[in-house]
Amino acid sequence: MVKTTSGIPLPRSWSLRDQIFVWGQRTYLMGVLNVTPDSFSDGGQFNTVEAALAQVRHLVAAGIDILDIGGQSTRPGALEISLAAELNRILPIVNAVRQECQTPISVDTTRAAVAQAAVAAGADMVNDISGGTYDPQMLPTVAKLGVPIVLMHLRGSPQTMQQLTDYPDLMGEISQFLKQRITAAIAAGINPGHIAIDPGIGFAKTGAQNLEILRRLREFHSLGCPILVGPSRKSFIGRILDQPDPKARSWGTAAACSAAIAGAADIIRVHDGAEMRDVCRVADAIWRL
């Protein structure tokens, strides 16, 4: 057992569907399924039930541990859609996926109403890029649902975040934000053992700051929660490689994922299932105790 910042003992595992996630044993893969027309990497590719299910089959066959379904693009500059539009995008996909397989489903949303509806439809956890700050009902809703939540660090909104990258103390400020959100989640009634954290690679961060986070990832383990990292295909990789096409950044993503695993990340959020599965297996063999 380890402890959260509140001093409450934290279980070292999650149970989702028929799968046990034992933190520190290996790296788990969260596969991205964006059912949006405008996501930075795969917008418009999977926003029908048929296309989404084809991608689900591909990801599950590749060994993905969690499917992360999102209906609101969070790329820099993305505009917020209505609640009805987000529900209309996500719920048919969650229903169809749940009929197709028993792979755990994460719903990528900042809205409590979407989280509640998605869990009712068969989702198993919530991935909130705002750390529960955009919707004051998110944390109480997740507490009532009794499901895990990922709390991510972010400044501003997708429209403003890339103008909010001035950090006198990058790691200290991210840690303080996450510590506050963990405390708020526990105060709202969320089981401390159901909280994971995400430092927010690419969200209100410069390329250099993303690299610093990857180099110093182990520092976040002092917060006592499993760590999710999502570097997949992001623009800082594209700038390093001079590669404008996100889909052509798999090798760069592999390097970033390896760095995250060396920093003891627990979950890696990726687009390329089979390729990153192999990265995780080899990196785990090198760095896991």
C-alpha atoms as a PDB file:
ATOM      1  CA  MET A   1       0.000   0.000   0.000  1.00  0.00           C
ATOM      2  CA  VAL A   2       1.052   3.591  -0.688  1.00  0.00           C
ATOM      3  CA  LYS A   3      -0.632   6.795   0.471  1.00  0.00           C
ATOM      4  CA  THR A   4      -2.282   9.730  -1.257  1.00  0.00           C
ATOM      5  CA  THR A   5      -1.393  13.295  -0.337  1.00  0.00           C
ATOM      6  CA  SER A   6      -4.185  13.118   2.242  1.00  0.00           C
ATOM      7  CA  GLY A   7      -2.392  10.250   3.963  1.00  0.00           C
ATOM      8  CA  ILE A   8      -5.161   7.766   3.094  1.00  0.00           C
ATOM      9  CA  PRO A   9      -3.817   4.310   2.111  1.00  0.00           C
ATOM     10  CA  LEU A  10      -4.158   3.741  -1.629  1.00  0.00           C
ATOM     11  CA  PRO A  11      -4.875   0.278  -3.051  1.00  0.00           C
ATOM     12  CA  ARG A  12      -2.356  -0.825  -5.657  1.00  0.00           C
ATOM     13  CA  SER A  13      -4.915  -2.095  -8.153  1.00  0.00           C
ATOM     14  CA  TRP A  14      -8.160  -1.385  -9.985  1.00  0.00           C
ATOM     15  CA  SER A  15     -10.780  -3.924 -11.046  1.00  0.00           C
ATOM     16  CA  LEU A  16     -12.575  -3.029 -14.295  1.00  0.00           C
ATOM     17  CA  ARG A  17     -14.914  -5.614 -15.797  1.00  0.00           C
ATOM     18  CA  ASP A  18     -12.971  -8.875 -15.588  1.00  0.00           C
ATOM     19  CA  GLN A  19      -9.540  -7.235 -15.667  1.00  0.00           C
ATOM     20  CA  ILE A  20      -7.321  -6.427 -12.683  1.00  0.00           C
ATOM     21  CA  PHE A  21      -4.917  -3.504 -13.116  1.00  0.00           C
ATOM     22  CA  VAL A  22      -1.988  -3.957 -10.737  1.00  0.00           C
ATOM     23  CA  TRP A  23       0.015  -0.726 -10.620  1.00  0.00           C
ATOM     24  CA  GLY A  24       3.749  -1.158 -10.992  1.00  0.00           C
ATOM     25  CA  GLN A  25       3.475  -4.645 -12.461  1.00  0.00           C
ATOM     26  CA  ARG A  26       3.347  -3.585 -16.123  1.00  0.00           C
ATOM     27  CA  THR A  27       2.339  -0.686 -18.336  1.00  0.00           C
ATOM     28  CA  TYR A  28      -1.310  -0.656 -19.415  1.00  0.00           C
ATOM     29  CA  LEU A  29      -2.465   0.668 -22.776  1.00  0.00           C
ATOM     30  CA  MET A  30      -5.391   3.047 -23.208  1.00  0.00           C
ATOM     31  CA  GLY A  31      -6.485   3.140 -26.850  1.00  0.00           C
ATOM     32  CA  VAL A  32      -7.855   6.407 -28.238  1.00  0.00           C
ATOM     33  CA  LEU A  33     -11.227   6.289 -29.985  1.00  0.00           C
ATOM     34  CA  ASN A  34     -12.167   9.824 -31.004  1.00  0.00           C
ATOM     35  CA  VAL A  35     -15.720   9.913 -32.369  1.00  0.00           C
ATOM     36  CA  THR A  36     -15.288  13.508 -33.500  1.00  0.00           C
ATOM     37  CA  PRO A  37     -15.007  15.258 -36.880  1.00  0.00           C
ATOM     38  CA  ASP A  38     -12.149  17.524 -35.792  1.00  0.00           C
ATOM     39  CA  SER A  39      -9.625  15.785 -33.508  1.00  0.00           C
ATOM     40  CA  PHE A  40      -6.043  16.665 -34.426  1.00  0.00           C
ATOM     41  CA  SER A  41      -4.971  13.178 -35.507  1.00  0.00           C
ATOM     42  CA  ASP A  42      -7.992  11.124 -36.505  1.00  0.00           C
ATOM     43  CA  GLY A  43     -10.927  13.530 -36.718  1.00  0.00           C
ATOM     44  CA  GLY A  44     -13.744  12.159 -38.866  1.00  0.00           C
ATOM     45  CA  GLN A  45     -12.308   8.646 -39.107  1.00  0.00           C
ATOM     46  CA  PHE A  46     -14.391   6.921 -36.450  1.00  0.00           C
ATOM     47  CA  ASN A  47     -17.504   9.045 -35.998  1.00  0.00           C
ATOM     48  CA  THR A  48     -19.936   6.406 -37.242  1.00  0.00           C
ATOM     49  CA  VAL A  49     -20.853   3.276 -35.305  1.00  0.00           C
ATOM     50  CA  GLU A  50     -19.529   1.014 -38.056  1.00  0.00           C
ATOM     51  CA  ALA A  51     -16.171   2.791 -38.308  1.00  0.00           C
ATOM     52  CA  ALA A  52     -15.828   2.987 -34.521  1.00  0.00           C
ATOM     53  CA  LEU A  53     -16.485  -0.727 -34.104  1.00  0.00           C
ATOM     54  CA  ALA A  54     -13.930  -1.569 -36.791  1.00  0.00           C
ATOM     55  CA  GLN A  55     -11.344   0.465 -34.871  1.00  0.00           C
ATOM     56  CA  VAL A  56     -12.381  -1.147 -31.586  1.00  0.00           C
ATOM     57  CA  ARG A  57     -11.766  -4.588 -33.082  1.00  0.00           C
ATOM     58  CA  HIS A  58      -8.370  -3.424 -34.321  1.00  0.00           C
ATOM     59  CA  LEU A  59      -7.377  -2.006 -30.932  1.00  0.00           C
ATOM     60  CA  VAL A  60      -8.653  -4.974 -28.943  1.00  0.00           C
ATOM     61  CA  ALA A  61      -6.820  -7.403 -31.229  1.00  0.00           C
ATOM     62  CA  ALA A  62      -3.675  -5.340 -30.645  1.00  0.00           C
ATOM     63  CA  GLY A  63      -3.917  -5.849 -26.888  1.00  0.00           C
ATOM     64  CA  ILE A  64      -5.381  -2.537 -25.716  1.00  0.00           C
ATOM     65  CA  ASP A  65      -6.415  -2.679 -22.031  1.00  0.00           C
ATOM     66  CA  ILE A  66      -8.840   0.289 -21.965  1.00  0.00           C
ATOM     67  CA  LEU A  67     -10.792   2.013 -24.737  1.00  0.00           C
ATOM     68  CA  ASP A  68     -10.995   5.804 -24.266  1.00  0.00           C
ATOM     69  CA  ILE A  69     -14.038   7.176 -26.113  1.00  0.00           C
ATOM     70  CA  GLY A  70     -14.326  10.922 -26.598  1.00  0.00           C
ATOM     71  CA  GLY A  71     -16.878  13.065 -28.424  1.00  0.00           C
ATOM     72  CA  GLN A  72     -15.397  16.527 -27.784  1.00  0.00           C
ATOM     73  CA  SER A  73     -12.134  17.429 -29.487  1.00  0.00           C
ATOM     74  CA  THR A  74      -9.555  18.895 -27.105  1.00  0.00           C
ATOM     75  CA  ARG A  75      -6.947  19.847 -29.722  1.00  0.00           C
ATOM     76  CA  PRO A  76      -5.594  23.399 -29.429  1.00  0.00           C
ATOM     77  CA  GLY A  77      -8.235  25.822 -30.686  1.00  0.00           C
ATOM     78  CA  ALA A  78     -11.092  23.311 -30.621  1.00  0.00           C
ATOM     79  CA  LEU A  79     -14.536  24.824 -30.069  1.00  0.00           C
ATOM     80  CA  GLU A  80     -16.860  23.470 -27.412  1.00  0.00           C
ATOM     81  CA  ILE A  81     -19.863  21.531 -28.691  1.00  0.00           C
ATOM     82  CA  SER A  82     -23.254  21.330 -26.999  1.00  0.00           C
ATOM     83  CA  LEU A  83     -24.114  18.749 -24.369  1.00  0.00           C
ATOM     84  CA  ALA A  84     -26.665  17.188 -26.721  1.00  0.00           C
ATOM     85  CA  ALA A  85     -24.082  16.888 -29.498  1.00  0.00           C
ATOM     86  CA  GLU A  86     -21.547  15.241 -27.188  1.00  0.00           C
ATOM     87  CA  LEU A  87     -24.133  12.757 -25.921  1.00  0.00           C
ATOM     88  CA  ASN A  88     -25.252  11.986 -29.475  1.00  0.00           C
ATOM     89  CA  ARG A  89     -21.680  11.245 -30.470  1.00  0.00           C
ATOM     90  CA  ILE A  90     -20.672   9.130 -27.487  1.00  0.00           C
ATOM     91  CA  LEU A  91     -23.676   7.100 -26.353  1.00  0.00           C
ATOM     92  CA  PRO A  92     -24.328   5.112 -29.561  1.00  0.00           C
ATOM     93  CA  ILE A  93     -20.641   4.163 -29.663  1.00  0.00           C
ATOM     94  CA  VAL A  94     -20.493   3.142 -25.991  1.00  0.00           C
ATOM     95  CA  ASN A  95     -23.640   1.040 -26.423  1.00  0.00           C
ATOM     96  CA  ALA A  96     -22.288  -0.628 -29.557  1.00  0.00           C
ATOM     97  CA  VAL A  97     -18.863  -1.292 -28.059  1.00  0.00           C
ATOM     98  CA  ARG A  98     -20.361  -2.786 -24.929  1.00  0.00           C
ATOM     99  CA  GLN A  99     -22.391  -5.191 -27.048  1.00  0.00           C
ATOM    100  CA  GLU A 100     -19.252  -6.052 -29.017  1.00  0.00           C
ATOM    101  CA  CYS A 101     -16.773  -6.770 -26.219  1.00  0.00           C
ATOM    102  CA  GLN A 102     -16.033  -6.543 -22.497  1.00  0.00           C
ATOM    103  CA  THR A 103     -12.892  -4.391 -22.774  1.00  0.00           C
ATOM    104  CA  PRO A 104     -13.060  -1.640 -20.118  1.00  0.00           C
ATOM    105  CA  ILE A 105     -14.330   1.686 -21.490  1.00  0.00           C
ATOM    106  CA  SER A 106     -13.189   5.131 -20.370  1.00  0.00           C
ATOM    107  CA  VAL A 107     -15.306   8.132 -21.317  1.00  0.00           C
ATOM    108  CA  ASP A 108     -13.207  11.181 -22.204  1.00  0.00           C
ATOM    109  CA  THR A 109     -15.365  14.101 -21.073  1.00  0.00           C
ATOM    110  CA  THR A 110     -15.434  17.144 -18.828  1.00  0.00           C
ATOM    111  CA  ARG A 111     -19.215  17.042 -18.346  1.00  0.00           C
ATOM    112  CA  ALA A 112     -20.878  15.247 -15.444  1.00  0.00           C
ATOM    113  CA  ALA A 113     -24.028  14.548 -17.463  1.00  0.00           C
ATOM    114  CA  VAL A 114     -21.998  12.818 -20.163  1.00  0.00           C
ATOM    115  CA  ALA A 115     -20.071  10.806 -17.583  1.00  0.00           C
ATOM    116  CA  GLN A 116     -23.302   9.674 -15.923  1.00  0.00           C
ATOM    117  CA  ALA A 117     -24.987   8.719 -19.209  1.00  0.00           C
ATOM    118  CA  ALA A 118     -21.898   6.928 -20.514  1.00  0.00           C
ATOM    119  CA  VAL A 119     -21.482   4.861 -17.342  1.00  0.00           C
ATOM    120  CA  ALA A 120     -25.174   3.946 -17.510  1.00  0.00           C
ATOM    121  CA  ALA A 121     -24.544   2.792 -21.101  1.00  0.00           C
ATOM    122  CA  GLY A 122     -21.597   0.616 -20.071  1.00  0.00           C
ATOM    123  CA  ALA A 123     -18.519   2.802 -19.538  1.00  0.00           C
ATOM    124  CA  ASP A 124     -16.297   1.908 -16.595  1.00  0.00           C
ATOM    125  CA  MET A 125     -14.329   5.064 -15.788  1.00  0.00           C
ATOM    126  CA  VAL A 126     -14.003   8.779 -16.542  1.00  0.00           C
ATOM    127  CA  ASN A 127     -11.066  10.638 -18.102  1.00  0.00           C
ATOM    128  CA  ASP A 128     -11.450  14.387 -17.396  1.00  0.00           C
ATOM    129  CA  ILE A 129      -8.838  16.665 -18.990  1.00  0.00           C
ATOM    130  CA  SER A 130      -9.885  19.489 -16.677  1.00  0.00           C
ATOM    131  CA  GLY A 131      -9.260  17.540 -13.489  1.00  0.00           C
ATOM    132  CA  GLY A 132     -12.887  18.087 -12.549  1.00  0.00           C
ATOM    133  CA  THR A 133     -12.636  21.889 -12.774  1.00  0.00           C
ATOM    134  CA  TYR A 134     -14.884  22.645 -15.777  1.00  0.00           C
ATOM    135  CA  ASP A 135     -18.053  21.130 -14.313  1.00  0.00           C
ATOM    136  CA  PRO A 136     -18.581  21.478 -10.544  1.00  0.00           C
ATOM    137  CA  GLN A 137     -20.829  18.414 -10.631  1.00  0.00           C
ATOM    138  CA  MET A 138     -18.188  16.115 -12.091  1.00  0.00           C
ATOM    139  CA  LEU A 139     -16.505  14.986  -8.873  1.00  0.00           C
ATOM    140  CA  PRO A 140     -19.751  14.448  -6.907  1.00  0.00           C
ATOM    141  CA  THR A 141     -21.202  12.570  -9.891  1.00  0.00           C
ATOM    142  CA  VAL A 142     -18.185  10.277 -10.197  1.00  0.00           C
ATOM    143  CA  ALA A 143     -18.350   9.664  -6.442  1.00  0.00           C
ATOM    144  CA  LYS A 144     -21.984   8.533  -6.749  1.00  0.00           C
ATOM    145  CA  LEU A 145     -21.171   6.369  -9.762  1.00  0.00           C
ATOM    146  CA  GLY A 146     -18.345   4.688  -7.847  1.00  0.00           C
ATOM    147  CA  VAL A 147     -16.038   4.528 -10.878  1.00  0.00           C
ATOM    148  CA  PRO A 148     -12.378   5.538 -11.281  1.00  0.00           C
ATOM    149  CA  ILE A 149     -11.402   8.940 -12.660  1.00  0.00           C
ATOM    150  CA  VAL A 150      -8.285  10.346 -14.317  1.00  0.00           C
ATOM    151  CA  LEU A 151      -7.542  13.915 -13.213  1.00  0.00           C
ATOM    152  CA  MET A 152      -5.401  15.804 -15.728  1.00  0.00           C
ATOM    153  CA  HIS A 153      -3.476  19.068 -15.377  1.00  0.00           C
ATOM    154  CA  LEU A 154      -4.626  21.860 -17.663  1.00  0.00           C
ATOM    155  CA  ARG A 155      -4.624  25.631 -17.767  1.00  0.00           C
ATOM    156  CA  GLY A 156      -7.400  27.529 -19.515  1.00  0.00           C
ATOM    157  CA  SER A 157      -9.351  25.790 -22.270  1.00  0.00           C
ATOM    158  CA  PRO A 158      -8.439  24.251 -25.624  1.00  0.00           C
ATOM    159  CA  GLN A 159      -9.037  27.703 -27.109  1.00  0.00           C
ATOM    160  CA  THR A 160      -6.617  29.477 -24.742  1.00  0.00           C
ATOM    161  CA  MET A 161      -4.265  26.858 -23.300  1.00  0.00           C
ATOM    162  CA  GLN A 162      -1.321  27.388 -25.637  1.00  0.00           C
ATOM    163  CA  GLN A 163      -1.126  31.023 -24.535  1.00  0.00           C
ATOM    164  CA  LEU A 164      -0.840  29.916 -20.885  1.00  0.00           C
ATOM    165  CA  THR A 165       2.543  28.200 -20.851  1.00  0.00           C
ATOM    166  CA  ASP A 166       4.530  30.483 -18.512  1.00  0.00           C
ATOM    167  CA  TYR A 167       5.532  28.394 -15.477  1.00  0.00           C
ATOM    168  CA  PRO A 168       8.075  29.762 -12.980  1.00  0.00           C
ATOM    169  CA  ASP A 169       8.119  26.222 -11.503  1.00  0.00           C
ATOM    170  CA  LEU A 170       6.735  23.758 -14.059  1.00  0.00           C
ATOM    171  CA  MET A 171       6.842  20.548 -12.047  1.00  0.00           C
ATOM    172  CA  GLY A 172       5.945  22.202  -8.772  1.00  0.00           C
ATOM    173  CA  GLU A 173       2.903  23.942 -10.226  1.00  0.00           C
ATOM    174  CA  ILE A 174       1.625  20.811 -11.967  1.00  0.00           C
ATOM    175  CA  SER A 175       2.114  18.801  -8.775  1.00  0.00           C
ATOM    176  CA  GLN A 176       0.315  21.408  -6.684  1.00  0.00           C
ATOM    177  CA  PHE A 177      -2.645  21.482  -9.090  1.00  0.00           C
ATOM    178  CA  LEU A 178      -2.907  17.692  -9.096  1.00  0.00           C
ATOM    179  CA  LYS A 179      -2.579  17.549  -5.315  1.00  0.00           C
ATOM    180  CA  GLN A 180      -5.461  20.019  -4.994  1.00  0.00           C
ATOM    181  CA  ARG A 181      -7.610  18.020  -7.417  1.00  0.00           C
ATOM    182  CA  ILE A 182      -6.902  14.759  -5.561  1.00  0.00           C
ATOM    183  CA  THR A 183      -7.944  16.450  -2.316  1.00  0.00           C
ATOM    184  CA  ALA A 184     -11.107  17.829  -3.956  1.00  0.00           C
ATOM    185  CA  ALA A 185     -11.983  14.423  -5.403  1.00  0.00           C
ATOM    186  CA  ILE A 186     -11.626  12.708  -2.026  1.00  0.00           C
ATOM    187  CA  ALA A 187     -13.642  15.471  -0.358  1.00  0.00           C
ATOM    188  CA  ALA A 188     -16.396  14.899  -2.934  1.00  0.00           C
ATOM    189  CA  GLY A 189     -16.551  11.249  -1.894  1.00  0.00           C
ATOM    190  CA  ILE A 190     -14.434   9.564  -4.559  1.00  0.00           C
ATOM    191  CA  ASN A 191     -12.599   6.484  -3.331  1.00  0.00           C
ATOM    192  CA  PRO A 192      -8.887   7.461  -3.076  1.00  0.00           C
ATOM    193  CA  GLY A 193      -8.041   4.181  -4.750  1.00  0.00           C
ATOM    194  CA  HIS A 194     -10.073   5.220  -7.797  1.00  0.00           C
ATOM    195  CA  ILE A 195      -7.976   8.285  -8.665  1.00  0.00           C
ATOM    196  CA  ALA A 196      -5.310   8.440 -11.365  1.00  0.00           C
ATOM    197  CA  ILE A 197      -3.408  11.543 -12.462  1.00  0.00           C
ATOM    198  CA  ASP A 198      -2.153  12.856 -15.805  1.00  0.00           C
ATOM    199  CA  PRO A 199       0.414  15.699 -16.089  1.00  0.00           C
ATOM    200  CA  GLY A 200      -1.210  16.837 -19.339  1.00  0.00           C
ATOM    201  CA  ILE A 201       1.425  16.444 -22.044  1.00  0.00           C
ATOM    202  CA  GLY A 202       0.577  18.948 -24.783  1.00  0.00           C
ATOM    203  CA  PHE A 203      -2.026  20.839 -22.749  1.00  0.00           C
ATOM    204  CA  ALA A 204      -0.833  24.349 -21.893  1.00  0.00           C
ATOM    205  CA  LYS A 205       2.755  23.134 -22.333  1.00  0.00           C
ATOM    206  CA  THR A 206       5.520  24.042 -24.752  1.00  0.00           C
ATOM    207  CA  GLY A 207       7.562  21.370 -26.505  1.00  0.00           C
ATOM    208  CA  ALA A 208      10.435  21.900 -24.094  1.00  0.00           C
ATOM    209  CA  GLN A 209       8.087  21.614 -21.117  1.00  0.00           C
ATOM    210  CA  ASN A 210       6.664  18.338 -22.443  1.00  0.00           C
ATOM    211  CA  LEU A 211      10.181  16.936 -22.618  1.00  0.00           C
ATOM    212  CA  GLU A 212      10.938  18.106 -19.075  1.00  0.00           C
ATOM    213  CA  ILE A 213       7.806  16.375 -17.795  1.00  0.00           C
ATOM    214  CA  LEU A 214       8.869  13.127 -19.438  1.00  0.00           C
ATOM    215  CA  ARG A 215      12.371  13.413 -17.966  1.00  0.00           C
ATOM    216  CA  ARG A 216      11.047  14.063 -14.462  1.00  0.00           C
ATOM    217  CA  LEU A 217       7.890  11.954 -14.480  1.00  0.00           C
ATOM    218  CA  ARG A 218       8.894   9.970 -11.391  1.00  0.00           C
ATOM    219  CA  GLU A 219       8.450  13.106  -9.277  1.00  0.00           C
ATOM    220  CA  PHE A 220       4.664  12.756  -9.605  1.00  0.00           C
ATOM    221  CA  HIS A 221       4.723   9.419  -7.795  1.00  0.00           C
ATOM    222  CA  SER A 222       4.951  11.361  -4.540  1.00  0.00           C
ATOM    223  CA  LEU A 223       1.234  12.132  -5.066  1.00  0.00           C
ATOM    224  CA  GLY A 224       0.429   8.476  -4.468  1.00  0.00           C
ATOM    225  CA  CYS A 225      -1.729   7.810  -7.540  1.00  0.00           C
ATOM    226  CA  PRO A 226      -1.238   5.798 -10.723  1.00  0.00           C
ATOM    227  CA  ILE A 227       0.011   7.991 -13.568  1.00  0.00           C
ATOM    228  CA  LEU A 228      -1.405   8.201 -17.082  1.00  0.00           C
ATOM    229  CA  VAL A 229       0.684   9.788 -19.848  1.00  0.00           C
ATOM    230  CA  GLY A 230      -0.633  10.703 -23.300  1.00  0.00           C
ATOM    231  CA  PRO A 231       2.147  11.728 -25.713  1.00  0.00           C
ATOM    232  CA  SER A 232       0.717   9.964 -28.757  1.00  0.00           C
ATOM    233  CA  ARG A 233       1.279  11.744 -32.092  1.00  0.00           C
ATOM    234  CA  LYS A 234       1.401  15.162 -30.440  1.00  0.00           C
ATOM    235  CA  SER A 235       2.788  18.301 -32.002  1.00  0.00           C
ATOM    236  CA  PHE A 236       5.988  18.435 -29.927  1.00  0.00           C
ATOM    237  CA  ILE A 237       6.944  15.118 -31.525  1.00  0.00           C
ATOM    238  CA  GLY A 238       6.098  16.536 -34.940  1.00  0.00           C
ATOM    239  CA  ARG A 239       8.333  19.552 -34.359  1.00  0.00           C
ATOM    240  CA  ILE A 240      11.267  17.388 -33.298  1.00  0.00           C
ATOM    241  CA  LEU A 241      10.832  15.175 -36.364  1.00  0.00           C
ATOM    242  CA  ASP A 242       9.798  17.963 -38.770  1.00  0.00           C
ATOM    243  CA  GLN A 243       6.743  15.818 -39.417  1.00  0.00           C
ATOM    244  CA  PRO A 244       3.457  17.703 -39.937  1.00  0.00           C
ATOM    245  CA  ASP A 245       1.358  14.548 -40.397  1.00  0.00           C
ATOM    246  CA  PRO A 246       0.285  13.215 -36.976  1.00  0.00           C
ATOM    247  CA  LYS A 247      -0.223   9.710 -38.374  1.00  0.00           C
ATOM    248  CA  ALA A 248       3.454   9.620 -39.403  1.00  0.00           C
ATOM    249  CA  ARG A 249       4.696  10.171 -35.831  1.00  0.00           C
ATOM    250  CA  SER A 250       4.512   6.575 -34.593  1.00  0.00           C
ATOM    251  CA  TRP A 251       8.279   6.164 -34.164  1.00  0.00           C
ATOM    252  CA  GLY A 252       8.512   9.434 -32.266  1.00  0.00           C
ATOM    253  CA  THR A 253       5.545   8.402 -30.148  1.00  0.00           C
ATOM    254  CA  ALA A 254       7.349   5.135 -29.395  1.00  0.00           C
ATOM    255  CA  ALA A 255      10.336   7.068 -28.038  1.00  0.00           C
ATOM    256  CA  ALA A 256       8.109   9.272 -25.880  1.00  0.00           C
ATOM    257  CA  CYS A 257       6.224   6.239 -24.540  1.00  0.00           C
ATOM    258  CA  SER A 258       9.515   4.531 -23.704  1.00  0.00           C
ATOM    259  CA  ALA A 259      10.573   7.607 -21.750  1.00  0.00           C
ATOM    260  CA  ALA A 260       7.263   7.604 -19.868  1.00  0.00           C
ATOM    261  CA  ILE A 261       7.681   3.923 -18.994  1.00  0.00           C
ATOM    262  CA  ALA A 262      11.230   4.593 -17.804  1.00  0.00           C
ATOM    263  CA  GLY A 263       9.606   7.204 -15.549  1.00  0.00           C
ATOM    264  CA  ALA A 264       7.243   4.515 -14.195  1.00  0.00           C
ATOM    265  CA  ALA A 265       4.051   5.589 -15.954  1.00  0.00           C
ATOM    266  CA  ASP A 266       1.207   3.183 -15.258  1.00  0.00           C
ATOM    267  CA  ILE A 267      -1.011   3.852 -18.289  1.00  0.00           C
ATOM    268  CA  ILE A 268      -0.009   5.089 -21.756  1.00  0.00           C
ATOM    269  CA  ARG A 269      -2.735   6.649 -23.926  1.00  0.00           C
ATOM    270  CA  VAL A 270      -2.051   5.823 -27.579  1.00  0.00           C
ATOM    271  CA  HIS A 271      -3.495   5.721 -31.087  1.00  0.00           C
ATOM    272  CA  ASP A 272      -1.302   2.940 -32.509  1.00  0.00           C
ATOM    273  CA  GLY A 273      -2.245  -0.191 -30.607  1.00  0.00           C
ATOM    274  CA  ALA A 274      -0.035  -2.983 -31.922  1.00  0.00           C
ATOM    275  CA  GLU A 275       3.062  -0.827 -32.257  1.00  0.00           C
ATOM    276  CA  MET A 276       2.820   0.635 -28.756  1.00  0.00           C
ATOM    277  CA  ARG A 277       2.010  -2.775 -27.291  1.00  0.00           C
ATOM    278  CA  ASP A 278       5.421  -3.946 -28.486  1.00  0.00           C
ATOM    279  CA  VAL A 279       7.048  -0.775 -27.151  1.00  0.00           C
ATOM    280  CA  CYS A 280       5.483  -1.400 -23.735  1.00  0.00           C
ATOM    281  CA  ARG A 281       6.538  -5.036 -23.611  1.00  0.00           C
ATOM    282  CA  VAL A 282      10.170  -4.279 -24.365  1.00  0.00           C
ATOM    283  CA  ALA A 283      10.313  -1.136 -22.200  1.00  0.00           C
ATOM    284  CA  ASP A 284       8.696  -3.011 -19.312  1.00  0.00           C
ATOM    285  CA  ALA A 285      11.284  -5.775 -19.664  1.00  0.00           C
ATOM    286  CA  ILE A 286      14.034  -3.147 -19.391  1.00  0.00           C
ATOM    287  CA  TRP A 287      12.719  -0.860 -16.637  1.00  0.00           C
ATOM    288  CA  ARG A 288      10.135  -2.674 -14.537  1.00  0.00           C
ATOM    289  CA  LEU A 289      11.485  -4.228 -11.358  1.00  0.00           C
END
